[in-house]
N, C-alpha and C. Protein backbone atom coordinates (compact mmCIF):
# COMPACT_ATOMS: atom_id res chain seq x y z
N UNK A 1 -10.13 56.12 -26.24
CA UNK A 1 -9.47 55.15 -26.31
C UNK A 1 -9.62 54.10 -25.04
N UNK A 2 -9.52 54.65 -23.79
CA UNK A 2 -9.49 53.81 -22.66
C UNK A 2 -10.84 53.19 -22.34
N UNK A 3 -11.98 53.89 -22.87
CA UNK A 3 -13.24 53.48 -22.80
C UNK A 3 -13.51 52.17 -23.59
N UNK A 4 -12.80 52.18 -24.51
CA UNK A 4 -13.14 50.88 -25.45
C UNK A 4 -12.28 49.70 -24.93
N UNK A 5 -11.27 49.79 -24.20
CA UNK A 5 -10.42 48.74 -23.67
C UNK A 5 -11.23 48.12 -22.65
N UNK A 6 -11.72 48.80 -21.69
CA UNK A 6 -12.57 48.32 -20.63
C UNK A 6 -13.58 47.00 -20.93
N UNK A 7 -14.33 47.32 -21.94
CA UNK A 7 -15.28 46.39 -22.30
C UNK A 7 -14.59 44.98 -22.72
N UNK A 8 -13.46 45.22 -23.35
CA UNK A 8 -12.70 44.08 -23.93
C UNK A 8 -12.11 43.31 -22.77
N UNK A 9 -11.49 43.97 -21.88
CA UNK A 9 -11.15 43.45 -20.84
C UNK A 9 -11.99 42.58 -19.77
N UNK A 10 -13.17 43.34 -19.76
CA UNK A 10 -14.23 42.49 -18.96
C UNK A 10 -14.71 41.25 -19.58
N UNK A 11 -14.85 41.40 -20.97
CA UNK A 11 -15.21 40.16 -21.76
C UNK A 11 -14.21 39.20 -21.59
N UNK A 12 -12.89 39.62 -21.77
CA UNK A 12 -11.84 38.49 -21.57
C UNK A 12 -12.01 37.85 -20.33
N UNK A 13 -12.12 38.62 -19.28
CA UNK A 13 -12.16 38.11 -17.88
C UNK A 13 -13.50 37.19 -17.87
N UNK A 14 -14.42 37.47 -18.40
CA UNK A 14 -15.62 36.62 -18.31
C UNK A 14 -15.36 35.39 -18.92
N UNK A 15 -14.73 35.29 -20.15
CA UNK A 15 -14.51 34.21 -20.94
C UNK A 15 -13.36 33.15 -20.09
N UNK A 16 -12.39 33.86 -19.48
CA UNK A 16 -11.50 32.91 -18.72
C UNK A 16 -12.12 32.59 -17.58
N UNK A 17 -13.06 33.13 -16.87
CA UNK A 17 -13.75 32.62 -15.56
C UNK A 17 -14.90 31.58 -16.14
N UNK A 18 -15.30 31.47 -17.25
CA UNK A 18 -16.32 30.66 -17.70
C UNK A 18 -15.62 29.40 -17.96
N UNK A 19 -14.33 29.52 -18.61
CA UNK A 19 -13.57 28.25 -18.89
C UNK A 19 -13.19 27.49 -17.69
N UNK A 20 -13.09 28.14 -16.44
CA UNK A 20 -12.76 27.64 -15.10
C UNK A 20 -13.84 26.40 -14.78
N UNK A 21 -15.10 26.86 -15.23
CA UNK A 21 -16.36 25.95 -14.60
C UNK A 21 -16.66 25.04 -15.77
N UNK A 22 -16.02 24.94 -16.86
CA UNK A 22 -16.46 24.02 -17.93
C UNK A 22 -16.22 22.58 -17.64
N UNK A 23 -16.75 21.71 -18.33
CA UNK A 23 -16.45 20.29 -18.16
C UNK A 23 -14.99 19.80 -18.42
N UNK A 24 -14.24 20.60 -18.87
CA UNK A 24 -12.83 20.28 -19.21
C UNK A 24 -12.06 20.06 -17.97
N UNK A 25 -12.43 20.56 -16.89
CA UNK A 25 -11.69 20.49 -15.66
C UNK A 25 -12.17 19.43 -14.68
N UNK A 26 -13.23 18.63 -15.29
CA UNK A 26 -13.75 17.49 -14.32
C UNK A 26 -12.60 16.57 -14.22
N UNK A 27 -12.03 16.03 -15.38
CA UNK A 27 -11.08 15.00 -15.10
C UNK A 27 -9.91 15.42 -14.04
N UNK A 28 -9.45 16.59 -14.05
CA UNK A 28 -8.57 17.04 -13.32
C UNK A 28 -9.08 17.29 -11.87
N UNK A 29 -10.46 17.55 -11.69
CA UNK A 29 -11.06 17.57 -10.42
C UNK A 29 -11.19 16.16 -9.77
N UNK A 30 -11.30 15.16 -10.62
CA UNK A 30 -11.55 13.78 -10.15
C UNK A 30 -10.27 13.17 -9.81
N UNK A 31 -9.12 13.49 -10.56
CA UNK A 31 -7.79 13.20 -10.00
C UNK A 31 -7.32 13.68 -8.79
N UNK A 32 -7.67 14.86 -8.46
CA UNK A 32 -7.49 15.51 -7.27
C UNK A 32 -8.13 14.79 -6.13
N UNK A 33 -9.54 14.54 -6.53
CA UNK A 33 -10.31 13.79 -5.34
C UNK A 33 -9.72 12.36 -5.10
N UNK A 34 -9.26 11.78 -6.23
CA UNK A 34 -8.66 10.46 -5.85
C UNK A 34 -7.31 10.38 -5.14
N UNK A 35 -6.66 11.50 -4.95
CA UNK A 35 -5.28 11.49 -4.29
C UNK A 35 -5.67 11.18 -2.74
N UNK A 36 -6.46 12.00 -2.27
CA UNK A 36 -6.72 11.76 -0.82
C UNK A 36 -7.13 10.49 -0.44
N UNK A 37 -8.08 9.78 -1.35
CA UNK A 37 -8.62 8.59 -1.12
C UNK A 37 -7.39 7.50 -1.18
N UNK A 38 -6.63 7.65 -2.20
CA UNK A 38 -5.43 6.67 -2.18
C UNK A 38 -4.70 6.75 -1.03
N UNK A 39 -4.37 8.16 -0.42
CA UNK A 39 -3.46 8.26 0.89
C UNK A 39 -4.18 7.68 1.93
N UNK A 40 -5.51 7.74 2.06
CA UNK A 40 -6.22 7.32 2.99
C UNK A 40 -5.97 5.62 3.06
N UNK A 41 -6.15 4.99 1.86
CA UNK A 41 -5.90 3.53 1.69
C UNK A 41 -4.69 3.22 2.35
N UNK A 42 -3.50 3.80 1.83
CA UNK A 42 -2.23 3.61 2.32
C UNK A 42 -2.15 3.77 3.87
N UNK A 43 -2.63 4.87 4.29
CA UNK A 43 -2.52 5.07 5.66
C UNK A 43 -3.17 4.15 6.56
N UNK A 44 -4.25 3.34 6.19
CA UNK A 44 -4.67 2.35 6.96
C UNK A 44 -3.82 1.07 6.97
N UNK A 45 -2.73 0.99 6.04
CA UNK A 45 -2.06 -0.03 6.14
C UNK A 45 -0.74 0.46 7.18
N UNK A 46 -0.79 -0.03 8.10
CA UNK A 46 0.40 0.27 9.09
C UNK A 46 1.90 -0.13 8.44
N UNK A 47 2.85 0.83 8.58
CA UNK A 47 4.11 0.56 8.03
C UNK A 47 5.00 0.46 9.04
N UNK A 48 5.95 -0.71 9.10
CA UNK A 48 6.89 -0.84 10.13
C UNK A 48 8.22 -0.95 9.48
N UNK A 49 9.17 -0.87 10.36
CA UNK A 49 10.62 -1.15 9.94
C UNK A 49 10.95 -2.70 10.34
N UNK A 50 12.15 -3.17 9.91
CA UNK A 50 12.46 -4.54 10.27
C UNK A 50 12.82 -4.71 11.74
N UNK A 51 13.29 -3.53 12.22
CA UNK A 51 13.56 -3.43 13.69
C UNK A 51 12.25 -3.81 14.49
N UNK A 52 11.11 -3.15 14.03
CA UNK A 52 9.83 -3.32 14.65
C UNK A 52 9.41 -4.63 14.29
N UNK A 53 9.65 -5.25 13.12
CA UNK A 53 9.24 -6.64 12.94
C UNK A 53 9.88 -7.53 13.90
N UNK A 54 11.02 -7.35 14.22
CA UNK A 54 11.96 -8.20 15.19
C UNK A 54 11.21 -8.26 16.55
N UNK A 55 10.72 -7.02 16.86
CA UNK A 55 10.05 -7.00 18.27
C UNK A 55 8.61 -7.70 18.22
N UNK A 56 7.86 -7.52 17.10
CA UNK A 56 6.74 -8.30 16.84
C UNK A 56 6.91 -9.77 17.03
N UNK A 57 7.84 -10.03 16.16
CA UNK A 57 8.13 -11.61 16.19
C UNK A 57 8.60 -12.13 17.71
N UNK A 58 9.04 -11.35 18.38
CA UNK A 58 9.29 -11.73 19.82
C UNK A 58 7.86 -11.84 20.64
N UNK A 59 7.10 -10.94 20.29
CA UNK A 59 5.86 -10.95 20.94
C UNK A 59 4.64 -11.82 20.22
N UNK A 60 5.09 -12.64 19.43
CA UNK A 60 4.12 -13.41 18.46
C UNK A 60 3.71 -14.74 19.17
N UNK A 61 4.32 -14.99 20.44
CA UNK A 61 3.88 -16.17 21.03
C UNK A 61 2.44 -16.26 21.44
N UNK A 62 1.76 -15.14 21.60
CA UNK A 62 0.44 -14.92 21.85
C UNK A 62 -0.56 -15.41 20.92
N UNK A 63 0.01 -15.44 19.59
CA UNK A 63 -1.00 -16.09 18.57
C UNK A 63 -1.81 -15.02 17.77
N UNK A 64 -1.63 -13.84 18.30
CA UNK A 64 -2.59 -12.73 17.56
C UNK A 64 -2.06 -12.26 16.44
N UNK A 65 -0.88 -12.48 15.88
CA UNK A 65 -0.40 -12.06 14.61
C UNK A 65 0.13 -13.24 13.79
N UNK A 66 -0.21 -12.98 12.53
CA UNK A 66 -0.01 -13.91 11.47
C UNK A 66 1.12 -13.05 10.36
N UNK A 67 2.37 -13.86 10.19
CA UNK A 67 3.41 -13.40 9.34
C UNK A 67 3.36 -14.26 8.09
N UNK A 68 3.39 -13.30 6.99
CA UNK A 68 3.47 -13.86 5.63
C UNK A 68 4.53 -13.19 4.86
N UNK A 69 5.20 -14.14 4.15
CA UNK A 69 6.24 -13.68 3.28
C UNK A 69 5.74 -13.93 1.62
N UNK A 70 5.47 -12.71 0.84
CA UNK A 70 4.83 -12.99 -0.42
C UNK A 70 5.62 -13.11 -1.71
N UNK A 71 7.12 -13.43 -1.28
CA UNK A 71 7.99 -13.66 -2.24
C UNK A 71 7.51 -14.92 -2.98
N UNK A 72 8.19 -15.20 -4.06
CA UNK A 72 8.04 -16.55 -4.85
C UNK A 72 8.89 -17.47 -3.94
N UNK A 73 8.22 -18.80 -4.24
CA UNK A 73 8.92 -19.96 -3.44
C UNK A 73 10.46 -20.12 -3.60
N UNK A 74 11.05 -19.79 -4.66
CA UNK A 74 12.51 -19.93 -4.87
C UNK A 74 13.19 -18.80 -4.00
N UNK A 75 12.53 -17.51 -4.03
CA UNK A 75 13.10 -16.51 -3.27
C UNK A 75 13.09 -16.91 -1.77
N UNK A 76 12.03 -17.28 -1.34
CA UNK A 76 11.79 -17.75 -0.05
C UNK A 76 12.67 -18.70 0.61
N UNK A 77 12.93 -19.85 -0.36
CA UNK A 77 13.85 -20.99 -0.16
C UNK A 77 15.41 -20.36 0.16
N UNK A 78 15.62 -19.57 -0.70
CA UNK A 78 17.05 -18.88 -0.33
C UNK A 78 17.20 -18.20 0.87
N UNK A 79 16.10 -17.91 1.55
CA UNK A 79 16.40 -17.26 2.91
C UNK A 79 15.11 -16.54 3.49
N UNK A 80 14.59 -17.10 4.59
CA UNK A 80 13.27 -16.32 5.16
C UNK A 80 13.26 -16.34 6.60
N UNK A 81 12.51 -15.64 7.19
CA UNK A 81 12.66 -15.54 8.53
C UNK A 81 11.85 -16.75 9.00
N UNK A 82 12.37 -17.36 10.16
CA UNK A 82 11.71 -18.46 10.90
C UNK A 82 10.40 -18.27 11.39
N UNK A 83 9.42 -18.87 11.07
CA UNK A 83 8.00 -18.70 11.46
C UNK A 83 7.13 -17.79 10.54
N UNK A 84 7.72 -17.32 9.55
CA UNK A 84 6.91 -16.49 8.45
C UNK A 84 6.47 -17.57 7.26
N UNK A 85 5.09 -17.65 7.03
CA UNK A 85 4.78 -18.47 6.08
C UNK A 85 4.71 -17.96 4.80
N UNK A 86 5.10 -18.61 3.69
CA UNK A 86 5.14 -18.19 2.19
C UNK A 86 3.87 -18.28 1.74
N UNK A 87 3.36 -17.04 1.35
CA UNK A 87 2.11 -16.97 0.43
C UNK A 87 2.40 -16.22 -0.70
N UNK A 88 2.88 -16.42 -1.83
CA UNK A 88 3.40 -15.70 -2.96
C UNK A 88 2.32 -14.82 -3.44
N UNK A 89 2.72 -13.73 -3.54
CA UNK A 89 1.74 -12.55 -4.25
C UNK A 89 1.09 -13.19 -5.39
N UNK A 90 1.86 -13.88 -6.08
CA UNK A 90 1.30 -14.45 -7.64
C UNK A 90 0.16 -15.42 -7.46
N UNK A 91 -0.07 -15.81 -6.24
CA UNK A 91 -1.12 -16.73 -5.98
C UNK A 91 -2.14 -16.35 -4.76
N UNK A 92 -1.81 -15.38 -4.30
CA UNK A 92 -2.46 -14.56 -3.15
C UNK A 92 -4.13 -14.45 -3.42
N UNK A 93 -4.21 -14.05 -4.55
CA UNK A 93 -5.73 -14.02 -5.10
C UNK A 93 -6.60 -15.25 -4.77
N UNK A 94 -5.77 -16.30 -4.92
CA UNK A 94 -6.49 -17.68 -4.61
C UNK A 94 -6.50 -18.43 -3.35
N UNK A 95 -5.33 -17.88 -2.54
CA UNK A 95 -5.29 -18.39 -1.26
C UNK A 95 -5.38 -17.38 0.01
N UNK A 96 -5.81 -16.23 -0.31
CA UNK A 96 -6.03 -15.26 0.88
C UNK A 96 -7.02 -15.74 1.90
N UNK A 97 -7.94 -16.55 1.25
CA UNK A 97 -9.12 -16.88 2.32
C UNK A 97 -8.51 -17.77 3.56
N UNK A 98 -7.30 -18.29 3.28
CA UNK A 98 -6.56 -19.08 4.48
C UNK A 98 -6.23 -18.21 5.61
N UNK A 99 -6.12 -16.86 5.32
CA UNK A 99 -5.85 -16.01 6.33
C UNK A 99 -7.08 -15.46 7.34
N UNK A 100 -6.68 -15.59 8.55
CA UNK A 100 -7.79 -15.12 9.56
C UNK A 100 -7.95 -13.62 9.33
N UNK A 101 -9.39 -13.15 9.35
CA UNK A 101 -9.63 -11.75 9.45
C UNK A 101 -9.36 -10.85 10.62
N UNK A 102 -9.52 -11.83 11.88
CA UNK A 102 -9.55 -11.34 13.07
C UNK A 102 -8.26 -11.16 13.73
N UNK A 103 -7.09 -11.35 12.96
CA UNK A 103 -5.85 -11.18 13.49
C UNK A 103 -4.99 -10.17 12.66
N UNK A 104 -4.10 -9.71 13.16
CA UNK A 104 -3.00 -8.71 12.49
C UNK A 104 -2.19 -9.76 11.64
N UNK A 105 -2.04 -9.10 10.34
CA UNK A 105 -1.31 -9.85 9.36
C UNK A 105 -0.14 -9.08 8.97
N UNK A 106 1.10 -9.42 9.20
CA UNK A 106 2.41 -8.63 8.98
C UNK A 106 2.84 -9.32 7.60
N UNK A 107 3.11 -8.57 6.67
CA UNK A 107 3.56 -8.79 5.30
C UNK A 107 4.91 -8.58 4.92
N UNK A 108 5.87 -9.38 4.60
CA UNK A 108 7.11 -8.91 4.07
C UNK A 108 7.30 -9.52 2.64
N UNK A 109 8.41 -9.01 1.99
CA UNK A 109 8.73 -9.45 0.70
C UNK A 109 10.24 -8.94 0.58
N UNK A 110 10.75 -8.93 -0.63
CA UNK A 110 12.15 -8.55 -0.76
C UNK A 110 12.41 -7.09 -0.30
N UNK A 111 11.54 -6.24 -0.93
CA UNK A 111 11.89 -4.84 -0.78
C UNK A 111 10.68 -3.96 -0.04
N UNK A 112 9.46 -4.54 0.08
CA UNK A 112 8.50 -3.73 0.67
C UNK A 112 7.50 -3.52 -0.50
N UNK A 113 7.75 -3.51 -1.63
CA UNK A 113 6.77 -3.42 -2.90
C UNK A 113 5.61 -4.39 -2.81
N UNK A 114 6.02 -5.54 -3.14
CA UNK A 114 4.99 -6.58 -3.25
C UNK A 114 4.22 -6.70 -1.87
N UNK A 115 4.90 -6.66 -0.85
CA UNK A 115 4.02 -6.86 0.37
C UNK A 115 3.09 -5.67 0.53
N UNK A 116 3.29 -4.51 0.06
CA UNK A 116 2.25 -3.37 -0.09
C UNK A 116 1.28 -3.84 -1.16
N UNK A 117 1.54 -4.27 -2.12
CA UNK A 117 0.64 -4.78 -3.10
C UNK A 117 -0.29 -5.80 -2.47
N UNK A 118 0.26 -6.72 -1.73
CA UNK A 118 -0.52 -7.70 -1.07
C UNK A 118 -1.41 -7.12 -0.01
N UNK A 119 -0.85 -6.24 0.78
CA UNK A 119 -1.70 -5.62 1.88
C UNK A 119 -2.86 -4.91 0.91
N UNK A 120 -2.71 -4.17 0.14
CA UNK A 120 -3.83 -3.53 -0.66
C UNK A 120 -4.81 -4.62 -1.20
N UNK A 121 -4.40 -5.68 -1.66
CA UNK A 121 -5.32 -6.74 -2.02
C UNK A 121 -6.10 -7.30 -0.99
N UNK A 122 -5.46 -7.51 0.15
CA UNK A 122 -6.14 -8.13 1.37
C UNK A 122 -7.14 -6.98 1.74
N UNK A 123 -6.75 -5.80 1.79
CA UNK A 123 -7.66 -4.63 2.03
C UNK A 123 -8.92 -4.79 1.42
N UNK A 124 -8.83 -5.00 0.07
CA UNK A 124 -9.98 -5.01 -0.92
C UNK A 124 -10.77 -6.25 -0.54
N UNK A 125 -10.23 -7.26 0.09
CA UNK A 125 -11.02 -8.40 0.46
C UNK A 125 -11.53 -8.32 1.64
N UNK A 126 -11.40 -7.28 2.51
CA UNK A 126 -12.16 -7.07 3.69
C UNK A 126 -11.13 -7.22 5.00
N UNK A 127 -9.84 -7.36 4.75
CA UNK A 127 -9.00 -7.28 5.84
C UNK A 127 -8.73 -5.95 6.49
N UNK A 128 -8.48 -5.76 7.71
CA UNK A 128 -8.48 -4.46 8.24
C UNK A 128 -7.10 -4.33 9.07
N UNK A 129 -6.56 -5.46 9.52
CA UNK A 129 -5.32 -5.23 10.52
C UNK A 129 -4.16 -5.68 9.73
N UNK A 130 -3.68 -4.85 8.85
CA UNK A 130 -2.56 -5.15 7.99
C UNK A 130 -1.28 -4.38 8.25
N UNK A 131 -0.11 -4.96 8.07
CA UNK A 131 1.04 -4.23 8.36
C UNK A 131 2.06 -4.67 7.36
N UNK A 132 2.60 -3.51 6.68
CA UNK A 132 3.69 -3.74 5.70
C UNK A 132 5.06 -3.44 6.25
N UNK A 133 5.86 -4.41 5.92
CA UNK A 133 7.40 -4.24 6.60
C UNK A 133 8.20 -3.47 5.32
N UNK A 134 8.46 -2.31 5.75
CA UNK A 134 9.22 -1.43 4.80
C UNK A 134 10.70 -2.01 4.65
N UNK A 135 11.06 -1.85 3.45
CA UNK A 135 12.47 -2.37 3.30
C UNK A 135 12.64 -3.98 3.20
N UNK A 136 11.70 -4.56 3.53
CA UNK A 136 11.73 -6.18 3.40
C UNK A 136 12.88 -6.90 3.84
N UNK A 137 13.19 -7.87 3.04
CA UNK A 137 14.30 -9.03 3.37
C UNK A 137 15.64 -8.08 3.15
N UNK A 138 15.60 -7.15 2.35
CA UNK A 138 16.89 -6.39 2.04
C UNK A 138 17.25 -5.66 3.22
N UNK A 139 16.47 -5.08 4.14
CA UNK A 139 16.82 -4.53 5.29
C UNK A 139 16.94 -5.40 6.53
N UNK A 140 16.40 -6.66 6.33
CA UNK A 140 16.44 -7.56 7.48
C UNK A 140 17.84 -7.86 7.83
N UNK A 141 18.07 -7.68 9.22
CA UNK A 141 19.68 -8.00 9.86
C UNK A 141 19.44 -9.32 10.60
N UNK A 142 18.32 -9.90 11.03
CA UNK A 142 18.29 -11.03 11.72
C UNK A 142 18.56 -12.25 11.03
N UNK A 143 18.53 -13.37 11.70
CA UNK A 143 18.85 -14.65 11.22
C UNK A 143 17.80 -15.18 10.17
N UNK A 144 18.29 -15.97 9.14
CA UNK A 144 17.29 -16.41 8.16
C UNK A 144 17.35 -17.90 8.05
N UNK A 145 16.42 -18.64 7.64
CA UNK A 145 16.41 -20.00 7.43
C UNK A 145 16.38 -20.30 5.94
N UNK A 146 17.38 -21.10 5.52
CA UNK A 146 17.51 -21.71 4.05
C UNK A 146 16.79 -22.93 3.88
N UNK A 147 16.09 -23.05 2.84
CA UNK A 147 15.42 -24.43 2.54
C UNK A 147 16.35 -25.08 1.58
N UNK A 148 16.19 -26.35 1.46
CA UNK A 148 16.84 -27.15 0.44
C UNK A 148 16.15 -27.19 -0.85
């Protein structure tokens, strides 16, 4: 009886192993390969806190940094950081070429989500010196300018 079980077990093992190499795993393999690439893309966009942003704003007199706020104009008017230019994410696809590629671009929004989307869009357009402000204006404790 035991002799008859061994061939069946071997056959079942071979079938199971053959299934691991079949085309059905290709999608899962591609998904696993995409994850490190996505992580690498995010890693190349520097993340800073609003405290670090405040230090950068103090150093900005040298002119080597561009600060943009990607919120919509009405949000920007309600309160923005002095010296930060409004370039809404909704129009950035059309206006990004106004930004210099040879300077660091610091991007802020309300919470850090849209600014990260903007950074990714700019990356796709060839920009390499990108900084996302985590927490955005919700975390900003400094003074704000209100527009009429």
